[in-house]
């Protein structure tokens, strides 16, 4: 008689978790955060709502974990390209940021989380600690490398420079009234990094050569 193997509860739990996260992302794109419900997520994922409440306290918490999974996973190390040219690298990253924020798959859950975090201090702290600060720290690390390479002035405030680089993109994205583009991203980099770049070394004065003397 064939021996039956016991069901793998951890594998079943992971399938359910993945289905819940996928359902939350799908539904927030279809109905928006305001109309999103735990019941709807459970129905779409094919699980009971108590399964969701066993892992998450609210629909915002579910959506946040969905967002993290989509972005590469919680705790994923963030690094920025380092080719040795800080201007080119910063433009590449900001251009990619513009493309990502223009993608509805990313934009819809992000807007929902930002809006909800304004009235939910605990969620706001989570978003800040697990999403915003790691990104800003990665930017700061890249600028510090450029500073150590002599491309950025030694007295530049790197945290302020980072906020000046990424802040305008989020500002335009939040307002939705002005377009974002690669050209706009490039202009930000030129303005900010141009202001903190090391000045060119002075050209040495020509050495005077003695002229002919009368004998």
N, C-alpha and C. Protein backbone atom coordinates (compact mmCIF):
# COMPACT_ATOMS: atom_id res chain seq x y z
N UNK A 1 0.85 -1.19 0.00
CA UNK A 1 0.00 0.00 0.00
C UNK A 1 0.89 1.24 0.00
N UNK A 2 0.54 2.19 -0.86
CA UNK A 2 1.36 3.40 -0.96
C UNK A 2 1.27 4.19 0.33
N UNK A 3 2.41 4.73 0.73
CA UNK A 3 2.46 5.51 1.97
C UNK A 3 2.14 6.96 1.68
N UNK A 4 1.22 7.53 2.43
CA UNK A 4 0.87 8.94 2.25
C UNK A 4 1.83 9.81 3.04
N UNK A 5 2.29 10.87 2.40
CA UNK A 5 3.16 11.80 3.10
C UNK A 5 2.31 12.90 3.72
N UNK A 6 2.74 13.37 4.87
CA UNK A 6 2.01 14.45 5.54
C UNK A 6 2.13 15.74 4.74
N UNK A 7 1.08 16.54 4.67
CA UNK A 7 1.18 17.80 3.94
C UNK A 7 2.20 18.73 4.59
N UNK A 8 2.91 19.44 3.76
CA UNK A 8 3.93 20.37 4.23
C UNK A 8 3.24 21.68 4.62
N UNK A 9 3.06 21.90 5.91
CA UNK A 9 2.32 23.08 6.36
C UNK A 9 3.07 24.38 6.05
N UNK A 10 4.41 24.32 6.09
CA UNK A 10 5.17 25.54 5.80
C UNK A 10 5.02 25.94 4.34
N UNK A 11 4.99 24.94 3.46
CA UNK A 11 4.82 25.24 2.03
C UNK A 11 3.41 25.76 1.77
N UNK A 12 2.43 25.17 2.44
CA UNK A 12 1.06 25.63 2.27
C UNK A 12 0.91 27.08 2.79
N UNK A 13 1.54 27.36 3.92
CA UNK A 13 1.49 28.71 4.49
C UNK A 13 2.13 29.73 3.55
N UNK A 14 3.26 29.33 2.94
CA UNK A 14 3.93 30.26 2.02
C UNK A 14 3.08 30.51 0.79
N UNK A 15 2.42 29.47 0.28
CA UNK A 15 1.53 29.67 -0.87
C UNK A 15 0.40 30.62 -0.51
N UNK A 16 -0.16 30.45 0.68
CA UNK A 16 -1.25 31.32 1.12
C UNK A 16 -0.76 32.76 1.29
N UNK A 17 0.42 32.91 1.88
CA UNK A 17 0.98 34.25 2.08
C UNK A 17 1.21 34.95 0.75
N UNK A 18 1.78 34.21 -0.18
CA UNK A 18 2.05 34.78 -1.50
C UNK A 18 0.76 35.15 -2.21
N UNK A 19 -0.26 34.32 -2.09
CA UNK A 19 -1.55 34.60 -2.72
C UNK A 19 -2.19 35.84 -2.11
N UNK A 20 -2.04 36.02 -0.80
CA UNK A 20 -2.61 37.19 -0.13
C UNK A 20 -1.91 38.47 -0.59
N UNK A 21 -0.59 38.43 -0.66
CA UNK A 21 0.16 39.62 -1.09
C UNK A 21 -0.17 39.98 -2.53
N UNK A 22 -0.24 38.98 -3.40
CA UNK A 22 -0.59 39.24 -4.80
C UNK A 22 -2.01 39.81 -4.91
N UNK A 23 -2.92 39.27 -4.12
CA UNK A 23 -4.31 39.73 -4.17
C UNK A 23 -4.41 41.18 -3.72
N UNK A 24 -3.67 41.55 -2.70
CA UNK A 24 -3.71 42.93 -2.21
C UNK A 24 -3.25 43.91 -3.28
N UNK A 25 -2.17 43.57 -3.98
CA UNK A 25 -1.67 44.44 -5.04
C UNK A 25 -2.66 44.54 -6.19
N UNK A 26 -3.23 43.42 -6.57
CA UNK A 26 -4.20 43.43 -7.67
C UNK A 26 -5.41 44.28 -7.32
N UNK A 27 -5.92 44.11 -6.12
CA UNK A 27 -7.16 44.80 -5.74
C UNK A 27 -6.96 46.29 -5.54
N UNK A 28 -5.82 46.70 -4.99
CA UNK A 28 -5.62 48.13 -4.79
C UNK A 28 -5.53 48.84 -6.14
N UNK A 29 -5.03 48.12 -7.16
CA UNK A 29 -5.02 48.69 -8.50
C UNK A 29 -6.40 48.75 -9.14
N UNK A 30 -7.28 47.85 -8.73
CA UNK A 30 -8.62 47.79 -9.31
C UNK A 30 -9.62 48.71 -8.62
N UNK A 31 -9.56 48.76 -7.28
CA UNK A 31 -10.60 49.50 -6.55
C UNK A 31 -10.05 50.66 -5.72
N UNK A 32 -8.72 50.77 -5.59
CA UNK A 32 -8.16 51.80 -4.75
C UNK A 32 -8.10 51.37 -3.29
N UNK A 33 -7.31 52.09 -2.50
CA UNK A 33 -7.12 51.69 -1.11
C UNK A 33 -8.39 51.88 -0.28
N UNK A 34 -9.14 52.94 -0.57
CA UNK A 34 -10.33 53.22 0.22
C UNK A 34 -11.34 52.10 0.20
N UNK A 35 -11.48 51.44 -0.94
CA UNK A 35 -12.47 50.36 -1.08
C UNK A 35 -11.87 48.97 -0.87
N UNK A 36 -10.57 48.93 -0.62
CA UNK A 36 -9.92 47.64 -0.37
C UNK A 36 -10.34 47.13 1.00
N UNK A 37 -10.68 45.85 1.08
CA UNK A 37 -11.07 45.24 2.35
C UNK A 37 -10.34 43.92 2.57
N UNK A 38 -10.22 43.56 3.83
CA UNK A 38 -9.63 42.26 4.16
C UNK A 38 -10.46 41.14 3.56
N UNK A 39 -11.79 41.30 3.58
CA UNK A 39 -12.68 40.28 3.03
C UNK A 39 -12.42 40.06 1.54
N UNK A 40 -12.22 41.18 0.82
CA UNK A 40 -11.97 41.07 -0.61
C UNK A 40 -10.61 40.41 -0.89
N UNK A 41 -9.62 40.77 -0.09
CA UNK A 41 -8.30 40.16 -0.25
C UNK A 41 -8.39 38.66 0.00
N UNK A 42 -9.10 38.28 1.06
CA UNK A 42 -9.24 36.86 1.39
C UNK A 42 -9.94 36.10 0.27
N UNK A 43 -11.01 36.70 -0.27
CA UNK A 43 -11.75 36.03 -1.34
C UNK A 43 -10.88 35.86 -2.57
N UNK A 44 -10.13 36.90 -2.93
CA UNK A 44 -9.27 36.81 -4.11
C UNK A 44 -8.15 35.79 -3.91
N UNK A 45 -7.62 35.73 -2.69
CA UNK A 45 -6.50 34.82 -2.41
C UNK A 45 -6.97 33.40 -2.15
N UNK A 46 -8.28 33.22 -1.92
CA UNK A 46 -8.79 31.87 -1.64
C UNK A 46 -8.47 31.39 -0.24
N UNK A 47 -8.44 32.33 0.72
CA UNK A 47 -8.18 31.96 2.11
C UNK A 47 -9.26 32.58 3.00
N UNK A 48 -9.33 32.16 4.24
CA UNK A 48 -10.24 32.79 5.18
C UNK A 48 -9.64 34.08 5.71
N UNK A 49 -10.48 35.04 6.08
CA UNK A 49 -9.96 36.32 6.54
C UNK A 49 -9.19 36.17 7.85
N UNK A 50 -9.51 35.15 8.65
CA UNK A 50 -8.76 34.93 9.88
C UNK A 50 -7.31 34.55 9.59
N UNK A 51 -7.09 33.94 8.44
CA UNK A 51 -5.71 33.64 8.03
C UNK A 51 -4.93 34.92 7.86
N UNK A 52 -5.57 35.92 7.26
CA UNK A 52 -4.91 37.22 7.06
C UNK A 52 -4.66 37.88 8.41
N UNK A 53 -5.66 37.91 9.27
CA UNK A 53 -5.51 38.56 10.56
C UNK A 53 -4.49 37.86 11.46
N UNK A 54 -4.21 36.60 11.18
CA UNK A 54 -3.19 35.90 11.95
C UNK A 54 -1.80 36.45 11.64
N UNK A 55 -1.62 36.98 10.44
CA UNK A 55 -0.30 37.49 10.03
C UNK A 55 -0.22 39.00 9.98
N UNK A 56 -1.31 39.68 9.73
CA UNK A 56 -1.29 41.14 9.59
C UNK A 56 -2.43 41.77 10.38
N UNK A 57 -2.20 42.94 10.98
CA UNK A 57 -3.24 43.58 11.77
C UNK A 57 -4.23 44.41 10.96
N UNK A 58 -3.88 44.74 9.72
CA UNK A 58 -4.74 45.64 8.94
C UNK A 58 -4.47 45.47 7.46
N UNK A 59 -5.34 46.05 6.64
CA UNK A 59 -5.12 45.99 5.19
C UNK A 59 -3.90 46.80 4.79
N UNK A 60 -3.60 47.88 5.55
CA UNK A 60 -2.40 48.67 5.25
C UNK A 60 -1.14 47.84 5.46
N UNK A 61 -1.13 47.02 6.50
CA UNK A 61 0.03 46.17 6.77
C UNK A 61 0.20 45.13 5.67
N UNK A 62 -0.91 44.58 5.18
CA UNK A 62 -0.83 43.62 4.06
C UNK A 62 -0.24 44.31 2.84
N UNK A 63 -0.76 45.49 2.53
CA UNK A 63 -0.30 46.20 1.33
C UNK A 63 1.16 46.58 1.46
N UNK A 64 1.59 46.95 2.65
CA UNK A 64 2.99 47.32 2.85
C UNK A 64 3.91 46.14 2.57
N UNK A 65 3.56 44.97 3.09
CA UNK A 65 4.38 43.79 2.81
C UNK A 65 4.33 43.42 1.32
N UNK A 66 3.18 43.64 0.68
CA UNK A 66 3.09 43.40 -0.77
C UNK A 66 4.05 44.32 -1.52
N UNK A 67 4.07 45.58 -1.09
CA UNK A 67 4.97 46.56 -1.70
C UNK A 67 6.43 46.16 -1.52
N UNK A 68 6.78 45.71 -0.31
CA UNK A 68 8.16 45.31 -0.05
C UNK A 68 8.57 44.12 -0.92
N UNK A 69 7.67 43.16 -1.04
CA UNK A 69 7.95 42.00 -1.89
C UNK A 69 8.18 42.42 -3.33
N UNK A 70 7.33 43.34 -3.81
CA UNK A 70 7.45 43.81 -5.19
C UNK A 70 8.75 44.57 -5.39
N UNK A 71 9.23 45.24 -4.32
CA UNK A 71 10.43 46.06 -4.43
C UNK A 71 11.72 45.29 -4.18
N UNK A 72 11.61 44.00 -3.93
CA UNK A 72 12.81 43.21 -3.75
C UNK A 72 12.92 42.52 -2.41
N UNK A 73 11.94 42.75 -1.55
CA UNK A 73 11.93 42.04 -0.27
C UNK A 73 12.41 42.89 0.87
N UNK A 74 11.83 42.65 2.03
CA UNK A 74 12.23 43.39 3.22
C UNK A 74 13.68 43.10 3.57
N UNK A 75 14.41 44.16 3.90
CA UNK A 75 15.78 43.97 4.31
C UNK A 75 16.75 43.78 3.15
N UNK A 76 16.27 43.88 1.92
CA UNK A 76 17.17 43.74 0.78
C UNK A 76 18.20 44.87 0.78
N UNK A 77 19.44 44.52 0.56
CA UNK A 77 20.49 45.53 0.56
C UNK A 77 20.35 46.41 -0.68
N UNK A 78 20.45 47.72 -0.45
CA UNK A 78 20.32 48.67 -1.55
C UNK A 78 21.70 49.23 -1.85
N UNK A 79 22.11 49.14 -3.08
CA UNK A 79 23.37 49.73 -3.51
C UNK A 79 23.12 50.51 -4.79
N UNK A 80 23.92 51.53 -5.00
CA UNK A 80 23.82 52.33 -6.20
C UNK A 80 25.02 52.07 -7.10
N UNK A 81 24.77 52.15 -8.39
CA UNK A 81 25.82 51.95 -9.38
C UNK A 81 27.01 52.87 -9.10
N UNK A 82 28.20 52.32 -9.21
CA UNK A 82 29.42 53.12 -9.01
C UNK A 82 30.38 52.82 -10.15
N UNK A 83 30.34 53.67 -11.17
CA UNK A 83 31.26 53.53 -12.29
C UNK A 83 32.47 54.44 -12.14
N UNK A 84 32.47 55.24 -11.05
CA UNK A 84 33.53 56.22 -10.87
C UNK A 84 33.13 57.61 -11.34
N UNK A 85 31.98 57.71 -12.02
CA UNK A 85 31.48 59.00 -12.50
C UNK A 85 30.17 59.29 -11.77
N UNK A 86 30.23 60.13 -10.74
CA UNK A 86 29.06 60.36 -9.89
C UNK A 86 27.92 61.02 -10.66
N UNK A 87 28.23 61.90 -11.59
CA UNK A 87 27.16 62.57 -12.33
C UNK A 87 26.41 61.56 -13.20
N UNK A 88 27.13 60.75 -13.95
CA UNK A 88 26.49 59.75 -14.80
C UNK A 88 25.70 58.74 -13.97
N UNK A 89 26.28 58.32 -12.85
CA UNK A 89 25.60 57.33 -12.01
C UNK A 89 24.32 57.90 -11.41
N UNK A 90 24.39 59.13 -10.93
CA UNK A 90 23.20 59.76 -10.33
C UNK A 90 22.10 59.93 -11.38
N UNK A 91 22.47 60.28 -12.59
CA UNK A 91 21.46 60.42 -13.64
C UNK A 91 20.81 59.08 -13.97
N UNK A 92 21.61 58.02 -14.01
CA UNK A 92 21.05 56.69 -14.28
C UNK A 92 20.02 56.31 -13.21
N UNK A 93 20.36 56.56 -11.94
CA UNK A 93 19.46 56.18 -10.85
C UNK A 93 18.19 57.03 -10.87
N UNK A 94 18.32 58.33 -11.07
CA UNK A 94 17.12 59.18 -11.08
C UNK A 94 16.24 58.90 -12.29
N UNK A 95 16.83 58.58 -13.42
CA UNK A 95 16.03 58.20 -14.59
C UNK A 95 15.24 56.93 -14.30
N UNK A 96 15.89 55.96 -13.67
CA UNK A 96 15.19 54.72 -13.32
C UNK A 96 14.08 54.99 -12.31
N UNK A 97 14.33 55.94 -11.40
CA UNK A 97 13.31 56.31 -10.42
C UNK A 97 12.08 56.91 -11.11
N UNK A 98 12.31 57.77 -12.08
CA UNK A 98 11.20 58.35 -12.84
C UNK A 98 10.40 57.26 -13.53
N UNK A 99 11.08 56.31 -14.16
CA UNK A 99 10.38 55.22 -14.86
C UNK A 99 9.55 54.39 -13.89
N UNK A 100 10.12 54.08 -12.73
CA UNK A 100 9.41 53.27 -11.74
C UNK A 100 8.19 54.00 -11.21
N UNK A 101 8.33 55.27 -10.91
CA UNK A 101 7.22 56.01 -10.31
C UNK A 101 6.12 56.33 -11.33
N UNK A 102 6.45 56.24 -12.59
CA UNK A 102 5.44 56.39 -13.64
C UNK A 102 4.68 55.09 -13.91
N UNK A 103 5.15 53.98 -13.35
CA UNK A 103 4.54 52.67 -13.56
C UNK A 103 3.38 52.49 -12.58
N UNK A 104 2.14 52.36 -13.07
CA UNK A 104 0.99 52.21 -12.17
C UNK A 104 1.13 51.06 -11.19
N UNK A 105 1.82 50.00 -11.58
CA UNK A 105 2.00 48.85 -10.68
C UNK A 105 2.72 49.26 -9.41
N UNK A 106 3.63 50.23 -9.54
CA UNK A 106 4.34 50.74 -8.37
C UNK A 106 3.61 51.93 -7.76
N UNK A 107 3.12 52.82 -8.61
CA UNK A 107 2.57 54.08 -8.13
C UNK A 107 1.32 53.90 -7.27
N UNK A 108 0.42 53.01 -7.66
CA UNK A 108 -0.84 52.87 -6.93
C UNK A 108 -0.64 52.43 -5.48
N UNK A 109 0.09 51.34 -5.22
CA UNK A 109 0.29 50.98 -3.81
C UNK A 109 1.11 51.99 -3.05
N UNK A 110 2.06 52.66 -3.72
CA UNK A 110 2.88 53.65 -3.04
C UNK A 110 2.05 54.83 -2.59
N UNK A 111 1.19 55.33 -3.46
CA UNK A 111 0.33 56.45 -3.08
C UNK A 111 -0.58 56.06 -1.93
N UNK A 112 -1.11 54.84 -1.98
CA UNK A 112 -1.99 54.38 -0.91
C UNK A 112 -1.25 54.32 0.42
N UNK A 113 -0.04 53.79 0.40
CA UNK A 113 0.73 53.67 1.63
C UNK A 113 1.11 55.02 2.20
N UNK A 114 1.52 55.94 1.33
CA UNK A 114 1.91 57.27 1.80
C UNK A 114 0.71 57.99 2.41
N UNK A 115 -0.44 57.89 1.75
CA UNK A 115 -1.64 58.54 2.27
C UNK A 115 -2.04 57.95 3.62
N UNK A 116 -2.01 56.63 3.73
CA UNK A 116 -2.41 55.98 4.97
C UNK A 116 -1.43 56.25 6.09
N UNK A 117 -0.15 56.37 5.76
CA UNK A 117 0.87 56.58 6.79
C UNK A 117 0.75 57.95 7.44
N UNK A 118 0.04 58.88 6.79
CA UNK A 118 -0.16 60.20 7.39
C UNK A 118 -1.06 60.13 8.62
N UNK A 119 -1.97 59.18 8.65
CA UNK A 119 -2.88 59.05 9.79
C UNK A 119 -2.57 57.83 10.65
N UNK A 120 -1.57 57.06 10.26
CA UNK A 120 -1.18 55.86 11.00
C UNK A 120 0.30 55.98 11.35
N UNK A 121 0.63 56.53 12.53
CA UNK A 121 2.04 56.76 12.88
C UNK A 121 2.89 55.49 12.86
N UNK A 122 2.29 54.37 13.25
CA UNK A 122 3.07 53.12 13.26
C UNK A 122 3.44 52.70 11.85
N UNK A 123 2.48 52.80 10.92
CA UNK A 123 2.77 52.48 9.52
C UNK A 123 3.78 53.47 8.96
N UNK A 124 3.62 54.76 9.31
CA UNK A 124 4.56 55.77 8.83
C UNK A 124 5.98 55.48 9.27
N UNK A 125 6.14 55.03 10.51
CA UNK A 125 7.47 54.69 11.02
C UNK A 125 8.04 53.49 10.28
N UNK A 126 7.18 52.51 9.94
CA UNK A 126 7.63 51.34 9.20
C UNK A 126 8.09 51.72 7.79
N UNK A 127 7.30 52.55 7.13
CA UNK A 127 7.65 52.99 5.78
C UNK A 127 8.98 53.74 5.81
N UNK A 128 9.14 54.60 6.80
CA UNK A 128 10.37 55.39 6.90
C UNK A 128 11.57 54.48 7.16
N UNK A 129 11.42 53.54 8.12
CA UNK A 129 12.56 52.72 8.52
C UNK A 129 12.93 51.67 7.48
N UNK A 130 11.94 51.12 6.78
CA UNK A 130 12.20 49.98 5.90
C UNK A 130 12.26 50.33 4.42
N UNK A 131 11.84 51.56 4.07
CA UNK A 131 11.86 51.94 2.66
C UNK A 131 12.67 53.22 2.45
N UNK A 132 12.26 54.32 3.09
CA UNK A 132 12.88 55.60 2.79
C UNK A 132 14.32 55.70 3.28
N UNK A 133 14.55 55.37 4.56
CA UNK A 133 15.91 55.53 5.10
C UNK A 133 16.94 54.64 4.40
N UNK A 134 16.64 53.38 4.09
CA UNK A 134 17.63 52.59 3.34
C UNK A 134 17.98 53.19 1.99
N UNK A 135 16.99 53.78 1.31
CA UNK A 135 17.26 54.41 0.02
C UNK A 135 18.14 55.64 0.19
N UNK A 136 17.82 56.48 1.19
CA UNK A 136 18.62 57.68 1.42
C UNK A 136 20.04 57.31 1.86
N UNK A 137 20.15 56.24 2.65
CA UNK A 137 21.48 55.80 3.09
C UNK A 137 22.32 55.32 1.91
N UNK A 138 21.68 54.65 0.96
CA UNK A 138 22.41 54.18 -0.23
C UNK A 138 22.91 55.36 -1.04
N UNK A 139 22.05 56.37 -1.22
CA UNK A 139 22.47 57.58 -1.92
C UNK A 139 23.64 58.25 -1.19
N UNK A 140 23.52 58.37 0.12
CA UNK A 140 24.58 59.02 0.90
C UNK A 140 25.89 58.28 0.76
N UNK A 141 25.84 56.96 0.79
CA UNK A 141 27.05 56.17 0.63
C UNK A 141 27.72 56.40 -0.72
N UNK A 142 26.89 56.51 -1.77
CA UNK A 142 27.46 56.74 -3.10
C UNK A 142 28.09 58.13 -3.19
N UNK A 143 27.44 59.14 -2.61
CA UNK A 143 28.03 60.48 -2.62
C UNK A 143 29.30 60.54 -1.79
N UNK A 144 29.32 59.79 -0.69
CA UNK A 144 30.53 59.77 0.14
C UNK A 144 31.70 59.17 -0.64
N UNK A 145 31.44 58.13 -1.43
CA UNK A 145 32.49 57.54 -2.25
C UNK A 145 33.01 58.57 -3.25
N UNK A 146 32.09 59.35 -3.83
CA UNK A 146 32.51 60.39 -4.78
C UNK A 146 33.30 61.49 -4.07
N UNK A 147 32.90 61.78 -2.83
CA UNK A 147 33.63 62.78 -2.05
C UNK A 147 35.04 62.30 -1.76
N UNK A 148 35.17 61.04 -1.39
CA UNK A 148 36.50 60.49 -1.11
C UNK A 148 37.36 60.40 -2.36
N UNK A 149 36.69 60.33 -3.53
CA UNK A 149 37.44 60.28 -4.80
C UNK A 149 37.79 61.68 -5.31
N UNK A 150 37.40 62.70 -4.56
CA UNK A 150 37.74 64.06 -4.94
C UNK A 150 36.80 64.69 -5.95
N UNK A 151 35.60 64.09 -6.14
CA UNK A 151 34.63 64.65 -7.09
C UNK A 151 33.65 65.62 -6.43
N UNK A 152 33.53 65.54 -5.11
CA UNK A 152 32.61 66.39 -4.35
C UNK A 152 33.40 67.10 -3.27
N UNK A 153 33.06 68.35 -3.03
CA UNK A 153 33.78 69.16 -2.03
C UNK A 153 33.77 68.49 -0.67
N UNK A 154 34.88 68.54 0.06
CA UNK A 154 34.96 67.84 1.34
C UNK A 154 34.02 68.39 2.41
N UNK A 155 33.60 69.65 2.28
CA UNK A 155 32.72 70.24 3.29
C UNK A 155 31.24 70.16 2.90
N UNK A 156 30.90 69.44 1.84
CA UNK A 156 29.50 69.34 1.41
C UNK A 156 28.71 68.51 2.40
N UNK A 157 27.48 68.94 2.69
CA UNK A 157 26.57 68.17 3.55
C UNK A 157 25.87 67.13 2.66
N UNK A 158 26.30 65.88 2.79
CA UNK A 158 25.83 64.85 1.87
C UNK A 158 24.35 64.52 2.07
N UNK A 159 23.87 64.56 3.31
CA UNK A 159 22.45 64.26 3.54
C UNK A 159 21.57 65.33 2.89
N UNK A 160 21.95 66.58 3.01
CA UNK A 160 21.18 67.65 2.36
C UNK A 160 21.23 67.47 0.84
N UNK A 161 22.39 67.12 0.32
CA UNK A 161 22.53 66.92 -1.13
C UNK A 161 21.63 65.78 -1.61
N UNK A 162 21.55 64.70 -0.84
CA UNK A 162 20.69 63.57 -1.21
C UNK A 162 19.23 64.01 -1.25
N UNK A 163 18.80 64.74 -0.23
CA UNK A 163 17.41 65.18 -0.19
C UNK A 163 17.10 66.15 -1.34
N UNK A 164 18.10 66.94 -1.74
CA UNK A 164 17.91 67.84 -2.88
C UNK A 164 17.83 67.06 -4.20
N UNK A 165 18.46 65.90 -4.25
CA UNK A 165 18.42 65.08 -5.47
C UNK A 165 17.08 64.35 -5.61
N UNK A 166 16.64 63.71 -4.54
CA UNK A 166 15.43 62.88 -4.65
C UNK A 166 14.15 63.64 -4.35
N UNK A 167 14.25 64.72 -3.57
CA UNK A 167 13.05 65.45 -3.17
C UNK A 167 12.22 65.99 -4.33
N UNK A 168 12.84 66.63 -5.33
CA UNK A 168 12.04 67.18 -6.43
C UNK A 168 11.25 66.13 -7.20
N UNK A 169 11.81 64.92 -7.35
CA UNK A 169 11.09 63.85 -8.05
C UNK A 169 9.82 63.49 -7.29
N UNK A 170 9.94 63.29 -5.97
CA UNK A 170 8.77 62.94 -5.17
C UNK A 170 7.77 64.10 -5.11
N UNK A 171 8.28 65.32 -5.13
CA UNK A 171 7.40 66.49 -5.11
C UNK A 171 6.52 66.51 -6.35
N UNK A 172 7.12 66.37 -7.51
CA UNK A 172 6.33 66.37 -8.75
C UNK A 172 5.40 65.17 -8.83
N UNK A 173 5.89 64.04 -8.37
CA UNK A 173 5.06 62.83 -8.39
C UNK A 173 3.84 62.99 -7.49
N UNK A 174 4.03 63.62 -6.34
CA UNK A 174 2.92 63.82 -5.40
C UNK A 174 1.89 64.79 -5.94
N UNK A 175 2.35 65.87 -6.57
CA UNK A 175 1.42 66.89 -7.06
C UNK A 175 0.67 66.45 -8.31
N UNK A 176 1.32 65.66 -9.15
CA UNK A 176 0.74 65.17 -10.41
C UNK A 176 0.40 66.30 -11.39
N UNK A 177 0.91 67.48 -11.17
CA UNK A 177 0.58 68.61 -12.05
C UNK A 177 1.67 68.92 -13.05
N UNK A 178 2.89 68.48 -12.77
CA UNK A 178 4.01 68.75 -13.66
C UNK A 178 4.59 67.42 -14.13
N UNK A 179 5.03 67.37 -15.38
CA UNK A 179 5.54 66.10 -15.91
C UNK A 179 6.90 65.73 -15.33
N UNK A 180 7.15 64.45 -15.25
CA UNK A 180 8.48 63.94 -14.91
C UNK A 180 9.08 63.34 -16.17
N UNK A 181 10.38 63.48 -16.30
CA UNK A 181 11.04 62.98 -17.50
C UNK A 181 12.51 62.74 -17.18
N UNK A 182 13.19 62.07 -18.09
CA UNK A 182 14.63 61.88 -17.94
C UNK A 182 15.35 63.22 -18.00
N UNK A 183 14.86 64.13 -18.83
CA UNK A 183 15.49 65.44 -18.93
C UNK A 183 15.39 66.18 -17.60
N UNK A 184 14.25 66.05 -16.93
CA UNK A 184 14.08 66.69 -15.63
C UNK A 184 15.03 66.06 -14.61
N UNK A 185 15.15 64.75 -14.63
CA UNK A 185 16.08 64.07 -13.72
C UNK A 185 17.51 64.54 -13.95
N UNK A 186 17.90 64.65 -15.20
CA UNK A 186 19.26 65.11 -15.53
C UNK A 186 19.49 66.53 -15.04
N UNK A 187 18.48 67.39 -15.18
CA UNK A 187 18.61 68.78 -14.75
C UNK A 187 18.81 68.87 -13.24
N UNK A 188 18.11 68.02 -12.49
CA UNK A 188 18.28 68.00 -11.04
C UNK A 188 19.72 67.64 -10.68
N UNK A 189 20.23 66.59 -11.30
CA UNK A 189 21.60 66.15 -11.01
C UNK A 189 22.60 67.25 -11.36
N UNK A 190 22.44 67.88 -12.51
CA UNK A 190 23.39 68.93 -12.91
C UNK A 190 23.36 70.10 -11.93
N UNK A 191 22.17 70.49 -11.49
CA UNK A 191 22.05 71.62 -10.57
C UNK A 191 22.65 71.29 -9.21
N UNK A 192 22.29 70.12 -8.68
CA UNK A 192 22.72 69.78 -7.31
C UNK A 192 24.20 69.45 -7.27
N UNK A 193 24.63 68.51 -8.11
CA UNK A 193 26.03 68.12 -8.06
C UNK A 193 26.95 69.21 -8.57
N UNK A 194 26.44 70.05 -9.47
CA UNK A 194 27.24 71.18 -9.91
C UNK A 194 27.54 72.14 -8.77
N UNK A 195 26.62 72.20 -7.81
CA UNK A 195 26.81 73.11 -6.68
C UNK A 195 27.77 72.61 -5.63
N UNK A 196 28.01 71.30 -5.58
CA UNK A 196 28.90 70.76 -4.54
C UNK A 196 30.13 70.09 -5.13
N UNK A 197 30.31 70.24 -6.44
CA UNK A 197 31.48 69.62 -7.08
C UNK A 197 32.76 70.31 -6.66
N UNK A 198 33.83 69.56 -6.66
CA UNK A 198 35.13 70.16 -6.39
C UNK A 198 35.46 71.15 -7.50
N UNK A 199 35.92 72.35 -7.15
CA UNK A 199 36.29 73.30 -8.20
C UNK A 199 37.51 72.79 -8.95
N UNK A 200 37.61 73.14 -10.22
CA UNK A 200 38.79 72.70 -10.98
C UNK A 200 40.08 73.26 -10.38
N UNK A 201 41.12 72.48 -10.45
CA UNK A 201 42.41 72.93 -9.93
C UNK A 201 42.87 74.14 -10.73
N UNK A 202 43.43 75.14 -10.06
CA UNK A 202 43.90 76.33 -10.78
C UNK A 202 45.01 75.98 -11.77
N UNK A 203 44.96 76.64 -12.91
CA UNK A 203 46.01 76.44 -13.91
C UNK A 203 47.28 77.11 -13.44
N UNK A 204 48.37 76.36 -13.37
CA UNK A 204 49.61 76.99 -12.89
C UNK A 204 50.06 78.11 -13.81
N UNK A 205 50.56 79.17 -13.18
CA UNK A 205 51.04 80.32 -13.97
C UNK A 205 52.27 79.91 -14.78
N UNK A 206 52.35 80.42 -16.01
CA UNK A 206 53.53 80.07 -16.81
C UNK A 206 54.80 80.58 -16.17
N UNK A 207 55.82 79.79 -16.27
CA UNK A 207 57.12 80.15 -15.70
C UNK A 207 57.84 81.08 -16.69
N UNK A 208 58.19 82.24 -16.19
CA UNK A 208 58.88 83.19 -17.07
C UNK A 208 60.28 82.66 -17.38
N UNK A 209 60.63 82.76 -18.65
CA UNK A 209 61.98 82.36 -19.06
C UNK A 209 62.80 83.62 -19.28
N UNK A 210 64.01 83.59 -18.85
CA UNK A 210 64.86 84.81 -19.02
C UNK A 210 65.09 85.14 -20.49
N UNK A 211 64.99 86.43 -20.81
CA UNK A 211 65.21 86.84 -22.18
C UNK A 211 66.70 87.01 -22.48
N UNK A 212 67.00 87.30 -23.74
CA UNK A 212 68.43 87.48 -24.09
C UNK A 212 68.99 88.71 -23.40
N UNK A 213 70.21 88.66 -23.00
CA UNK A 213 70.86 89.81 -22.34
C UNK A 213 71.90 90.40 -23.28
N UNK A 214 72.14 91.70 -23.13
CA UNK A 214 73.18 92.36 -23.95
C UNK A 214 74.54 91.96 -23.45
N UNK A 215 75.47 91.78 -24.34
CA UNK A 215 76.85 91.45 -23.95
C UNK A 215 77.67 92.70 -23.84
